[in-house]
Amino acid sequence: MADADSVEDKGSIAAQELRLFIERVERLEEEKKGIADDIKDVMSEMKGRGYDTKIVRKLISIRKKKKGEHEEEEMVLETYMAALGMI
């Protein structure tokens, strides 16, 4: 019977560990939602002051990239646009 108790204990420990992981993820999801709401508020404030938030989001995206990565993307974009007669 000791083996059955050992398996049951391990199952209980695994269940507790799983519950703790799930609770951590749930807390992080709540924090992420709060941060997303804060970003939305900042964007609304910027829009209210006359900034183009679509352009601001693009700038933020560009700033996240490695140096040179944006320039390479721009060159490819211009090549494609030229091929389509857009520029």
Protein backbone atom coordinates (compact mmCIF):
# COMPACT_ATOMS: atom_id res chain seq x y z
CA MET A 1 0.00 0.00 0.00
CA ALA A 2 2.96 2.32 0.44
CA ASP A 3 3.38 2.46 -3.31
CA ALA A 4 -0.23 3.55 -3.81
CA ASP A 5 0.21 6.30 -1.21
CA SER A 6 3.42 7.43 -2.91
CA VAL A 7 1.68 7.70 -6.30
CA GLU A 8 -1.22 9.54 -4.70
CA ASP A 9 1.19 11.97 -2.99
CA LYS A 10 2.98 12.63 -6.27
CA GLY A 11 -0.36 13.22 -7.98
CA SER A 12 -1.36 15.64 -5.25
CA ILE A 13 1.96 17.47 -5.51
CA ALA A 14 1.65 17.64 -9.30
CA ALA A 15 -1.90 18.97 -8.99
CA GLN A 16 -0.76 21.64 -6.52
CA GLU A 17 2.13 22.63 -8.75
CA LEU A 18 -0.17 22.82 -11.78
CA ARG A 19 -2.63 24.97 -9.86
CA LEU A 20 0.19 27.33 -8.82
CA PHE A 21 1.39 27.66 -12.42
CA ILE A 22 -2.14 28.40 -13.61
CA GLU A 23 -2.66 30.99 -10.89
CA ARG A 24 0.63 32.69 -11.82
CA VAL A 25 -0.42 32.88 -15.46
CA GLU A 26 -3.83 34.26 -14.46
CA ARG A 27 -2.17 36.99 -12.37
CA LEU A 28 0.15 37.86 -15.25
CA GLU A 29 -2.82 38.02 -17.63
CA GLU A 30 -4.50 40.49 -15.27
CA GLU A 31 -1.33 42.59 -15.13
CA LYS A 32 -1.07 42.47 -18.92
CA LYS A 33 -4.67 43.66 -19.23
CA GLY A 34 -3.94 46.52 -16.85
CA ILE A 35 -0.87 47.55 -18.84
CA ALA A 36 -2.83 47.34 -22.10
CA ASP A 37 -5.49 49.61 -20.57
CA ASP A 38 -2.77 52.07 -19.49
CA ILE A 39 -1.31 52.12 -23.02
CA LYS A 40 -4.80 52.71 -24.44
CA ASP A 41 -5.23 55.66 -22.05
CA VAL A 42 -1.89 57.18 -23.13
CA MET A 43 -2.80 56.75 -26.80
CA SER A 44 -6.16 58.42 -26.18
CA GLU A 45 -4.42 61.30 -24.45
CA MET A 46 -2.01 61.66 -27.38
CA LYS A 47 -4.88 61.61 -29.85
CA GLY A 48 -6.63 64.28 -27.81
CA ARG A 49 -3.54 66.46 -28.13
CA GLY A 50 -3.53 66.07 -31.91
CA TYR A 51 -0.96 63.31 -32.43
CA ASP A 52 -1.58 60.67 -35.09
CA THR A 53 -1.58 57.50 -32.98
CA LYS A 54 -1.23 55.25 -36.01
CA ILE A 55 2.08 56.98 -36.80
CA VAL A 56 3.10 56.86 -33.13
CA ARG A 57 2.52 53.09 -33.06
CA LYS A 58 4.64 52.78 -36.22
CA LEU A 59 7.43 54.80 -34.56
CA ILE A 60 7.30 52.54 -31.50
CA SER A 61 7.51 49.50 -33.76
CA ILE A 62 10.53 50.95 -35.56
CA ARG A 63 12.28 51.80 -32.28
CA LYS A 64 11.94 48.17 -31.15
CA LYS A 65 13.89 46.89 -34.15
CA LYS A 66 17.61 46.36 -34.37
CA LYS A 67 19.66 49.05 -36.03
CA GLY A 68 19.59 48.58 -39.78
CA GLU A 69 16.58 46.26 -39.75
CA HIS A 70 14.17 49.11 -40.44
CA GLU A 71 16.28 50.45 -43.30
CA GLU A 72 16.38 47.02 -44.92
CA GLU A 73 12.59 46.73 -44.67
CA GLU A 74 12.18 50.20 -46.17
CA MET A 75 14.39 49.27 -49.13
CA VAL A 76 12.36 46.12 -49.81
CA LEU A 77 9.10 48.06 -49.42
CA GLU A 78 10.27 50.70 -51.90
CA THR A 79 11.35 47.98 -54.34
CA TYR A 80 7.92 46.34 -54.15
CA MET A 81 6.13 49.67 -54.45
CA ALA A 82 8.20 50.58 -57.51
CA ALA A 83 7.42 47.20 -59.07
CA LEU A 84 3.72 47.94 -58.60
CA GLY A 85 4.07 51.46 -60.03
CA MET A 86 3.17 53.06 -56.73
CA ILE A 87 6.23 55.33 -56.67
